[in-house]
Amino acid sequence: MILVTGATGTTGRHLVAQLIERGAAFRTLVRDEARGRALGADHVVGDFDDPASLAAAMDGIDRVFLASPGAQAVAGEQPMVRWERNVIDAARDAGVRYVVKLSTLNAGVGRPMSEGGHGAIEEHLKSSGLEWTMLQAGPFMQNFLTPTASLSDEHGNLVGPAGQAPAAFVDAHDIAASAAALLTGEPHHGRSYVITGPEAIGYRQVAAKLSKGRGEPVGFVGESGETLVRRLRGYGLPDAAAEGLASLYDAMGAGAYGQVSDAVERLTGTAPRDFDAFMAANTKSFGALT
């Protein structure tokens, strides 16, 4: 049986739906009973900071999808590191065989924000004795579902890096499809897959596509790392978090997220969605396409 952590998150909700379609035996770990019921699947209530609840959730489980809330605006170690270590330790103690971890492109110990958090978790998982596969996802297309989901300026323009290098954005639907294939098939132990969409596009292209999808002009403003830090501080982020997030935008603009991978198609047999297909699948957000 499969345990899905992060089941109400961006990728987890897609994974739950796809496992239901496959008729897979699974349960979800949720913090809120009502949200668990809304998923329409077997669920158990627990908390990443409650080892006893994690141990109970592992009863009868042999495979785990590992995901947790992303990087937080805090100083020091990211909470996600503690949360996911707790799940890994509970899985090991319960005799779980295999973990598929949702990670990020460029994960590495000592890197900023989510990259560093995922890097530390990956190292812990690799040393746990469990079989594992890492899904190192590119930037999520879901970050553009609504104007408030992405950075915007006071005029509604999309804010991004000053550098114009393209990025290989990915639909969470395709990350979930890759996870579902691994969780219901033979384990790919010791493998790390970069999970992206089929193309790399720049923020100006994204803004043009959003304009069509929303039926109103969406401009683009590229900002330097220093300017982004000031903007993020103005939103209330602590200095360290603002600097870390701005450095990720700088890296994106310099091409750090431009790698296009064919892993989704190799794992699932189906090509991943491009940005246009992503918008077509989310017409509630992009009503001008209907």
Protein backbone atom coordinates (compact mmCIF):
# COMPACT_ATOMS: atom_id res chain seq x y z
CA MET A 1 0.00 0.00 0.00
CA ILE A 2 1.10 3.56 -0.78
CA LEU A 3 1.12 6.48 1.66
CA VAL A 4 0.80 9.93 0.07
CA THR A 5 2.16 12.76 2.18
CA GLY A 6 1.52 16.34 1.10
CA ALA A 7 -1.75 15.02 -0.30
CA THR A 8 -3.56 18.37 -0.27
CA GLY A 9 -0.66 20.21 -1.89
CA THR A 10 -0.14 21.28 -5.48
CA THR A 11 1.30 17.96 -6.64
CA GLY A 12 -0.37 15.76 -4.02
CA ARG A 13 -3.90 16.58 -5.15
CA HIS A 14 -3.03 15.54 -8.72
CA LEU A 15 -1.38 12.37 -7.45
CA VAL A 16 -4.42 11.39 -5.38
CA ALA A 17 -6.69 11.77 -8.43
CA GLN A 18 -4.35 9.73 -10.61
CA LEU A 19 -3.96 6.93 -8.07
CA ILE A 20 -7.76 6.73 -7.79
CA GLU A 21 -7.95 6.44 -11.59
CA ARG A 22 -5.40 3.62 -11.49
CA GLY A 23 -7.32 1.77 -8.77
CA ALA A 24 -4.20 1.77 -6.58
CA ALA A 25 -4.33 0.87 -2.89
CA PHE A 26 -3.27 3.99 -1.00
CA ARG A 27 -4.01 6.28 1.88
CA THR A 28 -3.26 9.94 2.42
CA LEU A 29 -1.68 11.68 5.39
CA VAL A 30 -3.43 14.96 6.18
CA ARG A 31 -3.42 17.40 9.08
CA ASP A 32 -7.09 18.32 8.74
CA GLU A 33 -9.90 15.74 8.84
CA ALA A 34 -12.25 17.79 6.63
CA ARG A 35 -9.62 18.29 3.93
CA GLY A 36 -8.84 14.59 4.08
CA ARG A 37 -12.48 13.67 3.49
CA ALA A 38 -12.64 16.11 0.59
CA LEU A 39 -9.91 14.17 -1.24
CA GLY A 40 -12.29 11.24 -1.61
CA ALA A 41 -9.73 8.65 -0.56
CA ASP A 42 -8.71 6.68 2.51
CA HIS A 43 -6.92 9.06 4.86
CA VAL A 44 -5.29 9.29 8.26
CA VAL A 45 -4.84 12.46 10.30
CA GLY A 46 -1.31 13.19 11.44
CA ASP A 47 1.40 15.80 11.70
CA PHE A 48 4.99 15.92 10.47
CA ASP A 49 6.03 17.04 13.95
CA ASP A 50 4.21 14.17 15.69
CA PRO A 51 6.28 10.97 15.40
CA ALA A 52 3.51 8.85 16.94
CA SER A 53 1.04 9.92 14.26
CA LEU A 54 3.61 9.21 11.54
CA ALA A 55 4.25 5.74 12.95
CA ALA A 56 0.50 5.04 12.93
CA ALA A 57 0.19 6.29 9.34
CA MET A 58 2.89 3.81 8.23
CA ASP A 59 0.91 0.74 9.32
CA GLY A 60 0.70 -1.62 6.34
CA ILE A 61 2.59 0.77 4.05
CA ASP A 62 5.40 -0.35 1.75
CA ARG A 63 5.76 2.73 -0.48
CA VAL A 64 5.69 6.45 0.37
CA PHE A 65 5.32 9.61 -1.70
CA LEU A 66 7.28 12.20 0.23
CA ALA A 67 6.27 15.86 -0.08
CA SER A 68 5.76 18.69 2.38
CA PRO A 69 5.09 22.43 2.34
CA GLY A 70 7.86 24.30 0.55
CA ALA A 71 10.40 26.80 1.76
CA GLN A 72 9.32 29.13 4.55
CA ALA A 73 10.40 32.71 5.27
CA VAL A 74 12.46 31.74 8.32
CA ALA A 75 16.06 32.05 9.42
CA GLY A 76 18.16 28.92 9.79
CA GLU A 77 17.23 25.42 8.68
CA GLN A 78 14.06 25.13 6.64
CA PRO A 79 11.20 23.40 8.55
CA MET A 80 10.73 21.08 5.58
CA VAL A 81 14.02 19.40 6.48
CA ARG A 82 12.78 18.40 9.93
CA TRP A 83 9.36 17.39 8.62
CA GLU A 84 10.61 15.13 5.87
CA ARG A 85 13.38 13.63 8.00
CA ASN A 86 10.68 12.62 10.47
CA VAL A 87 8.71 10.89 7.70
CA ILE A 88 11.82 9.11 6.41
CA ASP A 89 12.72 7.90 9.90
CA ALA A 90 9.15 6.68 10.53
CA ALA A 91 9.15 4.87 7.19
CA ARG A 92 12.47 3.18 7.95
CA ASP A 93 11.33 2.12 11.42
CA ALA A 94 8.07 0.71 10.00
CA GLY A 95 9.81 -1.42 7.38
CA VAL A 96 8.70 0.61 4.37
CA ARG A 97 10.54 -0.46 1.23
CA TYR A 98 10.51 2.49 -1.16
CA VAL A 99 10.20 6.30 -1.09
CA VAL A 100 9.54 8.58 -4.05
CA LYS A 101 10.58 12.07 -3.02
CA LEU A 102 9.38 15.28 -4.61
CA SER A 103 12.48 17.45 -4.82
CA THR A 104 13.63 20.39 -6.90
CA LEU A 105 16.00 21.05 -9.74
CA ASN A 106 19.42 22.19 -8.41
CA ALA A 107 18.85 20.68 -4.96
CA GLY A 108 22.03 20.75 -2.90
CA VAL A 109 23.17 21.13 0.68
CA GLY A 110 23.98 24.76 1.47
CA ARG A 111 22.01 26.20 -1.44
CA PRO A 112 19.32 28.85 -0.81
CA MET A 113 15.73 28.27 0.26
CA SER A 114 14.05 25.16 -1.16
CA GLU A 115 17.17 24.05 -3.03
CA GLY A 116 19.11 23.75 0.22
CA GLY A 117 16.19 22.21 2.10
CA HIS A 118 15.64 19.53 -0.53
CA GLY A 119 19.38 18.93 -0.75
CA ALA A 120 19.58 18.14 2.96
CA ILE A 121 16.52 15.86 2.77
CA GLU A 122 17.91 14.00 -0.23
CA GLU A 123 21.11 13.27 1.68
CA HIS A 124 19.14 11.97 4.67
CA LEU A 125 17.02 9.74 2.45
CA LYS A 126 20.06 8.35 0.63
CA SER A 127 21.65 7.38 3.97
CA SER A 128 18.45 5.91 5.44
CA GLY A 129 18.74 2.41 3.97
CA LEU A 130 15.43 2.81 2.13
CA GLU A 131 15.07 2.42 -1.60
CA TRP A 132 14.48 5.83 -3.15
CA THR A 133 13.83 7.87 -6.28
CA MET A 134 14.13 11.66 -6.48
CA LEU A 135 11.84 13.71 -8.71
CA GLN A 136 13.73 16.98 -9.14
CA ALA A 137 11.06 19.26 -10.53
CA GLY A 138 11.55 22.45 -12.47
CA PRO A 139 9.59 25.64 -11.68
CA PHE A 140 5.85 25.00 -11.39
CA MET A 141 3.44 26.33 -14.01
CA GLN A 142 0.93 26.50 -11.15
CA ASN A 143 2.77 29.60 -9.91
CA PHE A 144 0.97 31.48 -12.70
CA LEU A 145 -2.58 30.23 -12.07
CA THR A 146 -3.65 33.54 -10.52
CA PRO A 147 -2.14 37.05 -10.43
CA THR A 148 -1.49 36.64 -6.70
CA ALA A 149 0.33 33.31 -7.12
CA SER A 150 3.32 34.99 -8.78
CA LEU A 151 5.23 38.21 -8.17
CA SER A 152 3.51 41.24 -9.63
CA ASP A 153 4.13 44.96 -9.38
CA GLU A 154 1.63 47.68 -8.48
CA HIS A 155 0.45 47.84 -12.11
CA GLY A 156 -0.24 44.13 -12.40
CA ASN A 157 2.87 43.39 -14.44
CA LEU A 158 4.54 40.02 -13.98
CA VAL A 159 7.82 40.50 -12.10
CA GLY A 160 10.72 38.21 -12.88
CA PRO A 161 14.49 38.14 -13.24
CA ALA A 162 16.35 40.75 -15.25
CA GLY A 163 18.15 37.98 -17.09
CA GLN A 164 16.20 36.65 -20.05
CA ALA A 165 17.26 32.99 -20.03
CA PRO A 166 14.30 30.64 -20.51
CA ALA A 167 13.12 28.19 -17.85
CA ALA A 168 11.64 24.70 -18.28
CA PHE A 169 8.40 25.13 -16.33
CA VAL A 170 6.45 21.98 -15.46
CA ASP A 171 2.80 21.23 -14.75
CA ALA A 172 2.25 19.54 -11.36
CA HIS A 173 -0.06 17.13 -13.23
CA ASP A 174 3.02 15.69 -14.97
CA ILE A 175 5.06 15.49 -11.76
CA ALA A 176 2.18 13.51 -10.24
CA ALA A 177 1.97 11.25 -13.29
CA SER A 178 5.66 10.47 -12.95
CA ALA A 179 5.24 9.71 -9.24
CA ALA A 180 2.19 7.51 -9.90
CA ALA A 181 4.11 5.46 -12.47
CA LEU A 182 6.96 4.87 -10.02
CA LEU A 183 4.74 4.12 -7.02
CA THR A 184 2.65 1.55 -8.90
CA GLY A 185 5.49 -0.05 -10.88
CA GLU A 186 8.91 -1.48 -10.22
CA PRO A 187 11.02 0.81 -8.00
CA HIS A 188 13.73 2.84 -9.75
CA HIS A 189 16.06 2.67 -6.78
CA GLY A 190 18.92 5.13 -6.70
CA ARG A 191 17.66 7.21 -9.62
CA SER A 192 17.16 10.97 -9.73
CA TYR A 193 14.95 12.33 -12.52
CA VAL A 194 14.78 15.96 -13.62
CA ILE A 195 11.07 16.60 -14.25
CA THR A 196 10.22 19.45 -16.65
CA GLY A 197 7.83 20.45 -19.36
CA PRO A 198 8.72 19.93 -23.03
CA GLU A 199 10.16 23.41 -23.61
CA ALA A 200 11.98 26.26 -21.96
CA ILE A 201 10.35 29.70 -22.22
CA GLY A 202 11.19 33.13 -20.85
CA TYR A 203 9.11 35.36 -18.63
CA ARG A 204 8.17 37.65 -21.54
CA GLN A 205 6.69 34.64 -23.33
CA VAL A 206 4.86 33.64 -20.17
CA ALA A 207 3.40 37.14 -19.85
CA ALA A 208 2.20 37.02 -23.47
CA LYS A 209 0.51 33.66 -22.88
CA LEU A 210 -1.09 34.90 -19.66
CA SER A 211 -2.46 37.89 -21.55
CA LYS A 212 -4.29 35.54 -23.92
CA GLY A 213 -5.46 33.25 -21.15
CA ARG A 214 -6.77 36.02 -18.88
CA GLY A 215 -8.12 38.19 -21.66
CA GLU A 216 -6.27 41.26 -20.46
CA PRO A 217 -2.77 42.65 -20.98
CA VAL A 218 -0.10 41.25 -18.68
CA GLY A 219 3.18 43.10 -18.92
CA PHE A 220 6.59 41.97 -17.73
CA VAL A 221 9.16 43.76 -15.60
CA GLY A 222 12.61 42.25 -15.18
CA GLU A 223 14.31 43.22 -11.92
CA SER A 224 17.84 42.81 -10.65
CA GLY A 225 18.53 40.76 -7.55
CA GLU A 226 19.02 43.91 -5.50
CA THR A 227 15.69 45.36 -6.63
CA LEU A 228 13.93 42.08 -5.97
CA VAL A 229 15.34 41.99 -2.44
CA ARG A 230 13.88 45.45 -1.77
CA ARG A 231 10.53 44.39 -3.21
CA LEU A 232 10.41 41.20 -1.14
CA ARG A 233 11.41 43.05 2.02
CA GLY A 234 8.52 45.40 1.29
CA TYR A 235 6.22 42.38 1.30
CA GLY A 236 7.41 41.62 4.83
CA LEU A 237 9.95 38.88 4.15
CA PRO A 238 12.92 38.73 6.54
CA ASP A 239 16.24 39.75 5.03
CA ALA A 240 17.61 36.21 4.71
CA ALA A 241 14.46 34.93 3.01
CA ALA A 242 14.30 37.93 0.66
CA GLU A 243 17.92 37.50 -0.33
CA GLY A 244 17.53 33.74 -0.79
CA LEU A 245 14.44 34.05 -2.99
CA ALA A 246 15.99 36.86 -5.04
CA SER A 247 19.07 34.71 -5.63
CA LEU A 248 16.83 31.97 -7.07
CA TYR A 249 15.28 34.48 -9.48
CA ASP A 250 18.76 35.67 -10.45
CA ALA A 251 19.82 32.08 -11.10
CA MET A 252 16.71 31.48 -13.19
CA GLY A 253 17.46 34.53 -15.30
CA ALA A 254 20.99 33.25 -15.82
CA GLY A 255 19.77 29.90 -17.14
CA ALA A 256 19.91 27.65 -14.07
CA TYR A 257 16.42 26.28 -14.77
CA GLY A 258 16.63 25.98 -18.53
CA GLN A 259 17.35 22.25 -18.74
CA VAL A 260 14.62 20.39 -20.65
CA SER A 261 14.23 16.72 -19.75
CA ASP A 262 12.33 13.88 -21.40
CA ALA A 263 11.91 12.03 -18.07
CA VAL A 264 8.13 12.51 -17.90
CA GLU A 265 7.62 10.78 -21.24
CA ARG A 266 10.11 8.03 -20.36
CA LEU A 267 8.38 7.34 -17.03
CA THR A 268 4.76 7.69 -18.12
CA GLY A 269 4.70 7.06 -21.87
CA THR A 270 3.03 10.43 -22.40
CA ALA A 271 4.65 13.75 -23.28
CA PRO A 272 4.34 16.47 -20.62
CA ARG A 273 2.09 19.48 -21.09
CA ASP A 274 3.51 22.65 -22.54
CA PHE A 275 2.35 26.01 -21.17
CA ASP A 276 -0.52 26.31 -23.63
CA ALA A 277 -1.82 22.84 -22.70
CA PHE A 278 -1.49 23.73 -19.02
CA MET A 279 -3.68 26.80 -19.53
CA ALA A 280 -6.20 24.81 -21.58
CA ALA A 281 -6.49 22.35 -18.69
CA ASN A 282 -7.17 25.18 -16.22
CA THR A 283 -9.88 27.29 -17.84
CA LYS A 284 -11.21 28.39 -14.44
CA SER A 285 -8.06 30.50 -14.21
CA PHE A 286 -7.81 31.26 -17.93
CA GLY A 287 -11.40 32.01 -18.87
CA ALA A 288 -10.52 33.83 -22.09
CA LEU A 289 -9.65 30.46 -23.62
CA THR A 290 -13.21 29.13 -23.37
